[in-house]
């Protein structure tokens, strides 16, 4: 994954979505999406950096996707 993991952002309807990346200790490292998105499948590529643009170490991170009243948490693997 040269550019980083691609994260699916399923949108059941036109609404606000927030997609946040956390490190293994639970600290927020990046917010990738915090906006209104159109209904349907959406994809977001994470380039492996934090909110300041600094590259993060290879490893397992967690993302939390909040869409309306639903929260999805998964573990993308960042490879360099």
N, C-alpha and C. Protein backbone atom coordinates (compact mmCIF):
# COMPACT_ATOMS: atom_id res chain seq x y z
N UNK A 1 0.84 -1.18 0.00
CA UNK A 1 0.00 0.00 0.00
C UNK A 1 0.88 1.24 0.00
N UNK A 2 1.34 1.61 -1.11
CA UNK A 2 2.28 2.71 -1.21
C UNK A 2 1.71 4.02 -0.68
N UNK A 3 0.46 4.31 -0.98
CA UNK A 3 -0.12 5.57 -0.55
C UNK A 3 -0.80 5.48 0.79
N UNK A 4 -0.90 4.31 1.35
CA UNK A 4 -1.60 4.14 2.62
C UNK A 4 -2.91 3.42 2.40
N UNK A 5 -3.55 3.04 3.50
CA UNK A 5 -4.81 2.30 3.39
C UNK A 5 -5.94 3.15 2.81
N UNK A 6 -6.80 2.50 2.06
CA UNK A 6 -8.03 3.14 1.59
C UNK A 6 -9.14 2.69 2.53
N UNK A 7 -9.86 3.65 3.07
CA UNK A 7 -10.91 3.38 4.05
C UNK A 7 -12.27 3.63 3.40
N UNK A 8 -13.12 2.62 3.44
CA UNK A 8 -14.47 2.75 2.91
C UNK A 8 -15.32 3.55 3.89
N UNK A 9 -16.06 4.50 3.36
CA UNK A 9 -16.95 5.33 4.17
C UNK A 9 -18.35 5.17 3.60
N UNK A 10 -19.10 4.16 4.09
CA UNK A 10 -20.45 3.95 3.56
C UNK A 10 -21.41 5.04 4.07
N UNK A 11 -22.08 5.68 3.16
CA UNK A 11 -23.01 6.75 3.54
C UNK A 11 -24.43 6.35 3.15
N UNK A 12 -25.27 6.00 4.15
CA UNK A 12 -26.63 5.59 3.85
C UNK A 12 -27.49 6.72 3.29
N UNK A 13 -27.13 7.95 3.62
CA UNK A 13 -27.81 9.12 3.09
C UNK A 13 -26.90 10.33 3.20
N UNK A 14 -27.27 11.39 2.53
CA UNK A 14 -26.51 12.64 2.59
C UNK A 14 -26.49 13.11 4.04
N UNK A 15 -25.31 13.11 4.68
CA UNK A 15 -25.23 13.50 6.08
C UNK A 15 -23.78 13.78 6.47
N UNK A 16 -23.62 14.22 7.71
CA UNK A 16 -22.30 14.52 8.24
C UNK A 16 -21.56 13.23 8.59
N UNK A 17 -20.27 13.18 8.29
CA UNK A 17 -19.43 12.03 8.63
C UNK A 17 -18.16 12.54 9.29
N UNK A 18 -17.67 11.77 10.23
CA UNK A 18 -16.38 12.07 10.86
C UNK A 18 -15.56 10.79 10.89
N UNK A 19 -14.35 10.86 10.35
CA UNK A 19 -13.44 9.72 10.30
C UNK A 19 -12.15 10.13 10.98
N UNK A 20 -11.83 9.45 12.09
CA UNK A 20 -10.69 9.80 12.93
C UNK A 20 -9.78 8.60 13.10
N UNK A 21 -8.47 8.83 13.04
CA UNK A 21 -7.45 7.78 13.21
C UNK A 21 -6.88 7.88 14.62
N UNK A 22 -6.69 6.71 15.26
CA UNK A 22 -6.11 6.64 16.61
C UNK A 22 -4.91 5.71 16.59
N UNK A 23 -3.92 6.00 17.44
CA UNK A 23 -2.79 5.09 17.58
C UNK A 23 -3.17 3.94 18.52
N UNK A 24 -2.30 2.93 18.68
CA UNK A 24 -2.66 1.77 19.51
C UNK A 24 -2.96 2.10 20.97
N UNK A 25 -2.44 3.24 21.47
CA UNK A 25 -2.73 3.61 22.86
C UNK A 25 -4.01 4.42 22.99
N UNK A 26 -4.69 4.68 21.87
CA UNK A 26 -5.97 5.38 21.90
C UNK A 26 -5.88 6.88 21.71
N UNK A 27 -4.70 7.41 21.41
CA UNK A 27 -4.56 8.85 21.16
C UNK A 27 -4.97 9.16 19.73
N UNK A 28 -5.75 10.23 19.56
CA UNK A 28 -6.14 10.66 18.22
C UNK A 28 -4.91 11.21 17.52
N UNK A 29 -4.65 10.72 16.30
CA UNK A 29 -3.50 11.20 15.54
C UNK A 29 -3.90 11.97 14.28
N UNK A 30 -5.10 11.70 13.75
CA UNK A 30 -5.50 12.39 12.52
C UNK A 30 -7.02 12.36 12.38
N UNK A 31 -7.55 13.44 11.85
CA UNK A 31 -8.95 13.49 11.44
C UNK A 31 -8.96 13.61 9.93
N UNK A 32 -9.50 12.59 9.25
CA UNK A 32 -9.48 12.56 7.79
C UNK A 32 -10.72 13.18 7.17
N UNK A 33 -11.85 13.03 7.84
CA UNK A 33 -13.12 13.55 7.33
C UNK A 33 -13.88 14.17 8.50
N UNK A 34 -14.40 15.35 8.28
CA UNK A 34 -15.29 16.00 9.23
C UNK A 34 -16.15 16.97 8.42
N UNK A 35 -17.08 16.37 7.64
CA UNK A 35 -17.85 17.16 6.69
C UNK A 35 -19.10 16.40 6.26
N UNK A 36 -19.95 17.08 5.56
CA UNK A 36 -21.14 16.46 4.98
C UNK A 36 -20.70 15.73 3.71
N UNK A 37 -21.17 14.50 3.55
CA UNK A 37 -20.84 13.68 2.39
C UNK A 37 -22.13 13.23 1.70
N UNK A 38 -22.04 12.98 0.40
CA UNK A 38 -23.18 12.48 -0.36
C UNK A 38 -23.45 11.02 -0.03
N UNK A 39 -24.69 10.60 -0.25
CA UNK A 39 -25.07 9.21 -0.03
C UNK A 39 -24.33 8.30 -1.00
N UNK A 40 -24.13 7.06 -0.56
CA UNK A 40 -23.48 6.07 -1.41
C UNK A 40 -22.09 5.74 -0.91
N UNK A 41 -21.38 4.91 -1.66
CA UNK A 41 -20.03 4.53 -1.24
C UNK A 41 -19.06 5.69 -1.40
N UNK A 42 -18.27 5.91 -0.41
CA UNK A 42 -17.20 6.92 -0.42
C UNK A 42 -15.92 6.22 0.00
N UNK A 43 -14.79 6.68 -0.47
CA UNK A 43 -13.50 6.14 -0.06
C UNK A 43 -12.59 7.29 0.33
N UNK A 44 -11.77 7.05 1.34
CA UNK A 44 -10.81 8.04 1.80
C UNK A 44 -9.46 7.34 1.87
N UNK A 45 -8.43 7.93 1.27
CA UNK A 45 -7.08 7.36 1.37
C UNK A 45 -6.36 8.09 2.50
N UNK A 46 -5.81 7.31 3.40
CA UNK A 46 -5.01 7.87 4.49
C UNK A 46 -3.55 7.76 4.06
N UNK A 47 -2.85 8.87 4.04
CA UNK A 47 -1.46 8.88 3.57
C UNK A 47 -0.45 8.52 4.66
N UNK A 48 -0.91 8.12 5.84
CA UNK A 48 -0.01 7.67 6.89
C UNK A 48 0.62 8.78 7.70
N UNK A 49 0.02 9.96 7.65
CA UNK A 49 0.54 11.08 8.43
C UNK A 49 -0.46 11.48 9.51
N UNK A 50 0.05 12.26 10.48
CA UNK A 50 -0.84 12.78 11.52
C UNK A 50 -1.41 14.12 11.07
N UNK A 51 -2.16 14.78 11.94
CA UNK A 51 -2.78 16.06 11.58
C UNK A 51 -1.76 17.15 11.25
N UNK A 52 -0.53 17.01 11.75
CA UNK A 52 0.52 17.99 11.46
C UNK A 52 1.29 17.67 10.19
N UNK A 53 0.96 16.55 9.54
CA UNK A 53 1.63 16.16 8.31
C UNK A 53 2.87 15.32 8.53
N UNK A 54 3.15 14.95 9.77
CA UNK A 54 4.31 14.11 10.08
C UNK A 54 3.99 12.64 9.83
N UNK A 55 4.92 11.90 9.20
CA UNK A 55 4.68 10.48 8.94
C UNK A 55 4.63 9.68 10.24
N UNK A 56 3.76 8.69 10.27
CA UNK A 56 3.62 7.81 11.42
C UNK A 56 4.34 6.49 11.15
N UNK A 57 4.68 5.79 12.21
CA UNK A 57 5.38 4.51 12.10
C UNK A 57 4.48 3.44 11.51
N UNK A 58 5.10 2.47 10.87
CA UNK A 58 4.37 1.30 10.38
C UNK A 58 3.71 0.60 11.56
N UNK A 59 2.51 0.10 11.37
CA UNK A 59 1.83 -0.62 12.44
C UNK A 59 0.33 -0.60 12.29
N UNK A 60 -0.32 -1.07 13.31
CA UNK A 60 -1.78 -1.12 13.35
C UNK A 60 -2.30 0.14 14.03
N UNK A 61 -3.26 0.76 13.40
CA UNK A 61 -3.94 1.93 13.95
C UNK A 61 -5.42 1.60 14.00
N UNK A 62 -6.20 2.46 14.59
CA UNK A 62 -7.64 2.27 14.66
C UNK A 62 -8.31 3.47 14.00
N UNK A 63 -9.40 3.22 13.32
CA UNK A 63 -10.19 4.37 12.88
C UNK A 63 -11.60 4.25 13.40
N UNK A 64 -12.18 5.40 13.64
CA UNK A 64 -13.56 5.47 14.09
C UNK A 64 -14.32 6.32 13.08
N UNK A 65 -15.37 5.73 12.52
CA UNK A 65 -16.23 6.41 11.57
C UNK A 65 -17.57 6.67 12.24
N UNK A 66 -17.92 7.94 12.37
CA UNK A 66 -19.23 8.33 12.91
C UNK A 66 -20.08 8.87 11.76
N UNK A 67 -21.18 8.18 11.48
CA UNK A 67 -22.14 8.62 10.47
C UNK A 67 -23.51 8.56 11.11
N UNK A 68 -24.12 9.72 11.24
CA UNK A 68 -25.41 9.85 11.91
C UNK A 68 -25.31 9.26 13.31
N UNK A 69 -26.04 8.25 13.66
CA UNK A 69 -25.99 7.67 15.01
C UNK A 69 -25.24 6.35 15.03
N UNK A 70 -24.49 6.05 13.98
CA UNK A 70 -23.77 4.78 13.90
C UNK A 70 -22.27 5.03 14.02
N UNK A 71 -21.59 4.17 14.78
CA UNK A 71 -20.14 4.26 14.95
C UNK A 71 -19.53 2.94 14.51
N UNK A 72 -18.55 3.03 13.60
CA UNK A 72 -17.84 1.85 13.11
C UNK A 72 -16.37 2.03 13.49
N UNK A 73 -15.78 0.99 14.10
CA UNK A 73 -14.37 1.03 14.46
C UNK A 73 -13.68 -0.16 13.81
N UNK A 74 -12.55 0.12 13.14
CA UNK A 74 -11.77 -0.95 12.49
C UNK A 74 -10.29 -0.66 12.66
N UNK A 75 -9.45 -1.63 12.25
CA UNK A 75 -8.00 -1.52 12.40
C UNK A 75 -7.32 -1.55 11.03
N UNK A 76 -6.98 -0.40 10.46
CA UNK A 76 -6.19 -0.45 9.23
C UNK A 76 -4.72 -0.68 9.57
N UNK A 77 -4.02 -1.38 8.68
CA UNK A 77 -2.59 -1.63 8.86
C UNK A 77 -1.84 -0.65 7.97
N UNK A 78 -0.95 0.13 8.58
CA UNK A 78 -0.14 1.09 7.83
C UNK A 78 1.19 0.44 7.51
N UNK A 79 1.46 0.26 6.21
CA UNK A 79 2.73 -0.31 5.74
C UNK A 79 3.49 0.74 4.97
N UNK A 80 4.80 0.75 5.14
CA UNK A 80 5.62 1.73 4.39
C UNK A 80 6.63 1.01 3.54
